[in-house]
């Protein structure tokens, strides 16, 4: 079985007037949300995609619980 490593691509949306940013290789989503809180405090929500297939997985808002991994 392959290790779960960098399984996600994430597009992060910010307050109005700011363009969304994309991160291609994201491992743990809860650690990534802590990074966003520190470095990009104006983020509103993020769309999480399976990095390999490109399939949409979930939308996570700033003030909601962020799991380390999404189980399908």
N, C-alpha and C. Protein backbone atom coordinates (compact mmCIF):
# COMPACT_ATOMS: atom_id res chain seq x y z
N UNK A 1 0.84 -1.20 0.00
CA UNK A 1 0.00 0.00 0.00
C UNK A 1 0.88 1.25 0.00
N UNK A 2 0.48 2.20 -0.78
CA UNK A 2 1.23 3.45 -0.84
C UNK A 2 0.97 4.30 0.39
N UNK A 3 1.98 5.02 0.81
CA UNK A 3 1.80 5.93 1.94
C UNK A 3 0.96 7.11 1.51
N UNK A 4 0.19 7.64 2.46
CA UNK A 4 -0.57 8.87 2.19
C UNK A 4 0.39 10.04 2.35
N UNK A 5 0.84 10.58 1.25
CA UNK A 5 1.80 11.67 1.30
C UNK A 5 1.46 12.66 0.20
N UNK A 6 1.22 13.89 0.59
CA UNK A 6 0.94 14.96 -0.38
C UNK A 6 -0.21 14.58 -1.31
N UNK A 7 -1.29 14.11 -0.71
CA UNK A 7 -2.43 13.61 -1.49
C UNK A 7 -3.37 14.69 -1.99
N UNK A 8 -3.21 15.92 -1.55
CA UNK A 8 -4.21 16.95 -1.84
C UNK A 8 -3.63 18.13 -2.62
N UNK A 9 -4.48 18.70 -3.45
CA UNK A 9 -4.27 20.02 -4.03
C UNK A 9 -5.35 20.90 -3.41
N UNK A 10 -4.99 22.13 -3.08
CA UNK A 10 -5.92 23.00 -2.38
C UNK A 10 -5.95 24.36 -3.06
N UNK A 11 -7.17 24.87 -3.28
CA UNK A 11 -7.34 26.25 -3.75
C UNK A 11 -7.95 27.02 -2.59
N UNK A 12 -7.28 28.09 -2.20
CA UNK A 12 -7.71 28.88 -1.04
C UNK A 12 -8.29 30.20 -1.53
N UNK A 13 -9.46 30.54 -1.01
CA UNK A 13 -10.15 31.77 -1.37
C UNK A 13 -10.07 32.74 -0.20
N UNK A 14 -9.82 34.01 -0.53
CA UNK A 14 -9.62 35.05 0.46
C UNK A 14 -10.79 36.04 0.43
N UNK A 15 -10.67 37.10 1.21
CA UNK A 15 -11.68 38.15 1.20
C UNK A 15 -11.80 38.72 -0.20
N UNK A 16 -12.91 39.40 -0.46
CA UNK A 16 -13.15 39.96 -1.80
C UNK A 16 -12.00 40.86 -2.24
N UNK A 17 -11.71 40.81 -3.51
CA UNK A 17 -10.65 41.64 -4.07
C UNK A 17 -9.30 40.96 -4.13
N UNK A 18 -9.16 39.78 -3.54
CA UNK A 18 -7.90 39.04 -3.56
C UNK A 18 -8.08 37.77 -4.38
N UNK A 19 -7.13 37.51 -5.27
CA UNK A 19 -7.22 36.32 -6.11
C UNK A 19 -6.96 35.06 -5.30
N UNK A 20 -7.64 33.97 -5.63
CA UNK A 20 -7.38 32.69 -4.95
C UNK A 20 -5.96 32.20 -5.23
N UNK A 21 -5.42 31.40 -4.32
CA UNK A 21 -4.09 30.80 -4.50
C UNK A 21 -4.23 29.29 -4.46
N UNK A 22 -3.34 28.62 -5.21
CA UNK A 22 -3.37 27.17 -5.28
C UNK A 22 -2.08 26.59 -4.72
N UNK A 23 -2.24 25.55 -3.92
CA UNK A 23 -1.11 24.77 -3.44
C UNK A 23 -1.28 23.36 -3.98
N UNK A 24 -0.24 22.82 -4.61
CA UNK A 24 -0.32 21.55 -5.32
C UNK A 24 -0.08 20.34 -4.42
N UNK A 25 0.88 20.41 -3.51
CA UNK A 25 1.26 19.25 -2.71
C UNK A 25 1.00 19.52 -1.23
N UNK A 26 -0.17 19.11 -0.75
CA UNK A 26 -0.54 19.32 0.66
C UNK A 26 -0.67 17.94 1.30
N UNK A 27 -0.04 17.80 2.48
CA UNK A 27 -0.09 16.51 3.17
C UNK A 27 -1.21 16.49 4.20
N UNK A 28 -1.03 17.13 5.34
CA UNK A 28 -2.07 17.15 6.38
C UNK A 28 -2.85 18.45 6.31
N UNK A 29 -4.15 18.32 6.20
CA UNK A 29 -5.00 19.50 6.04
C UNK A 29 -5.06 20.36 7.29
N UNK A 30 -5.04 19.74 8.48
CA UNK A 30 -5.09 20.55 9.70
C UNK A 30 -3.81 21.37 9.88
N UNK A 31 -2.66 20.84 9.53
CA UNK A 31 -1.41 21.60 9.56
C UNK A 31 -1.42 22.72 8.53
N UNK A 32 -2.00 22.45 7.37
CA UNK A 32 -2.10 23.46 6.32
C UNK A 32 -3.00 24.61 6.77
N UNK A 33 -4.09 24.30 7.48
CA UNK A 33 -4.97 25.36 7.97
C UNK A 33 -4.28 26.23 9.02
N UNK A 34 -3.40 25.63 9.83
CA UNK A 34 -2.63 26.42 10.80
C UNK A 34 -1.65 27.34 10.08
N UNK A 35 -1.04 26.84 9.00
CA UNK A 35 -0.17 27.68 8.17
C UNK A 35 -0.96 28.85 7.59
N UNK A 36 -2.17 28.59 7.09
CA UNK A 36 -3.00 29.66 6.53
C UNK A 36 -3.36 30.70 7.59
N UNK A 37 -3.71 30.23 8.78
CA UNK A 37 -4.08 31.14 9.86
C UNK A 37 -2.94 32.09 10.21
N UNK A 38 -1.71 31.56 10.14
CA UNK A 38 -0.54 32.37 10.49
C UNK A 38 -0.08 33.28 9.34
N UNK A 39 0.03 32.73 8.15
CA UNK A 39 0.60 33.47 7.01
C UNK A 39 -0.42 34.19 6.14
N UNK A 40 -1.65 33.71 6.12
CA UNK A 40 -2.71 34.28 5.28
C UNK A 40 -3.99 34.40 6.10
N UNK A 41 -4.03 35.30 7.09
CA UNK A 41 -5.17 35.35 8.02
C UNK A 41 -6.50 35.77 7.39
N UNK A 42 -6.49 36.26 6.16
CA UNK A 42 -7.74 36.70 5.54
C UNK A 42 -8.42 35.60 4.72
N UNK A 43 -7.95 34.36 4.83
CA UNK A 43 -8.57 33.29 4.05
C UNK A 43 -9.97 33.02 4.56
N UNK A 44 -10.86 32.66 3.64
CA UNK A 44 -12.27 32.41 3.96
C UNK A 44 -12.61 30.91 3.92
N UNK A 45 -12.22 30.24 2.83
CA UNK A 45 -12.48 28.81 2.70
C UNK A 45 -11.49 28.21 1.71
N UNK A 46 -11.40 26.89 1.74
CA UNK A 46 -10.52 26.20 0.79
C UNK A 46 -11.27 25.02 0.17
N UNK A 47 -11.03 24.82 -1.10
CA UNK A 47 -11.55 23.66 -1.81
C UNK A 47 -10.42 22.64 -1.88
N UNK A 48 -10.71 21.42 -1.46
CA UNK A 48 -9.71 20.36 -1.40
C UNK A 48 -9.99 19.37 -2.53
N UNK A 49 -8.94 19.02 -3.26
CA UNK A 49 -9.03 18.10 -4.40
C UNK A 49 -8.06 16.94 -4.21
N UNK A 50 -8.39 15.79 -4.76
CA UNK A 50 -7.45 14.69 -4.83
C UNK A 50 -6.38 15.08 -5.82
N UNK A 51 -5.13 15.13 -5.38
CA UNK A 51 -4.06 15.63 -6.24
C UNK A 51 -3.85 14.76 -7.47
N UNK A 52 -4.00 13.47 -7.34
CA UNK A 52 -3.72 12.57 -8.46
C UNK A 52 -4.84 12.55 -9.50
N UNK A 53 -6.09 12.52 -9.05
CA UNK A 53 -7.20 12.43 -10.00
C UNK A 53 -7.81 13.79 -10.34
N UNK A 54 -7.61 14.78 -9.46
CA UNK A 54 -8.21 16.10 -9.67
C UNK A 54 -9.65 16.19 -9.20
N UNK A 55 -10.17 15.14 -8.59
CA UNK A 55 -11.57 15.12 -8.15
C UNK A 55 -11.76 16.00 -6.92
N UNK A 56 -12.86 16.77 -6.93
CA UNK A 56 -13.21 17.61 -5.79
C UNK A 56 -13.57 16.71 -4.62
N UNK A 57 -13.07 17.06 -3.42
CA UNK A 57 -13.34 16.25 -2.24
C UNK A 57 -14.22 16.97 -1.22
N UNK A 58 -13.85 18.20 -0.86
CA UNK A 58 -14.60 18.90 0.18
C UNK A 58 -14.24 20.39 0.20
N UNK A 59 -15.20 21.20 0.64
CA UNK A 59 -14.95 22.62 0.92
C UNK A 59 -14.86 22.77 2.43
N UNK A 60 -13.82 23.43 2.89
CA UNK A 60 -13.61 23.63 4.32
C UNK A 60 -13.55 25.12 4.61
N UNK A 61 -14.42 25.58 5.50
CA UNK A 61 -14.45 27.00 5.87
C UNK A 61 -13.49 27.28 7.01
N UNK A 62 -13.11 28.53 7.14
CA UNK A 62 -12.09 28.97 8.09
C UNK A 62 -12.40 28.56 9.53
N UNK A 63 -13.62 28.72 9.98
CA UNK A 63 -13.95 28.49 11.38
C UNK A 63 -14.50 27.09 11.66
N UNK A 64 -14.39 26.18 10.71
CA UNK A 64 -14.89 24.83 10.93
C UNK A 64 -13.74 23.89 11.30
N UNK A 65 -14.08 22.71 11.76
CA UNK A 65 -13.09 21.69 12.11
C UNK A 65 -12.38 21.22 10.84
N UNK A 66 -11.05 21.13 10.91
CA UNK A 66 -10.27 20.67 9.76
C UNK A 66 -9.59 19.35 10.14
N UNK A 67 -10.00 18.25 9.52
CA UNK A 67 -9.37 16.95 9.82
C UNK A 67 -7.99 16.87 9.17
N UNK A 68 -7.12 16.02 9.68
CA UNK A 68 -5.81 15.87 9.02
C UNK A 68 -5.96 15.24 7.63
N UNK A 69 -6.86 14.28 7.50
CA UNK A 69 -7.08 13.61 6.21
C UNK A 69 -8.59 13.49 5.96
N UNK A 70 -8.95 13.40 4.69
CA UNK A 70 -10.35 13.18 4.33
C UNK A 70 -10.50 11.72 3.97
N UNK A 71 -11.39 11.04 4.68
CA UNK A 71 -11.65 9.64 4.36
C UNK A 71 -12.87 9.59 3.46
N UNK A 72 -12.77 8.84 2.41
CA UNK A 72 -13.85 8.80 1.43
C UNK A 72 -14.79 7.68 1.68
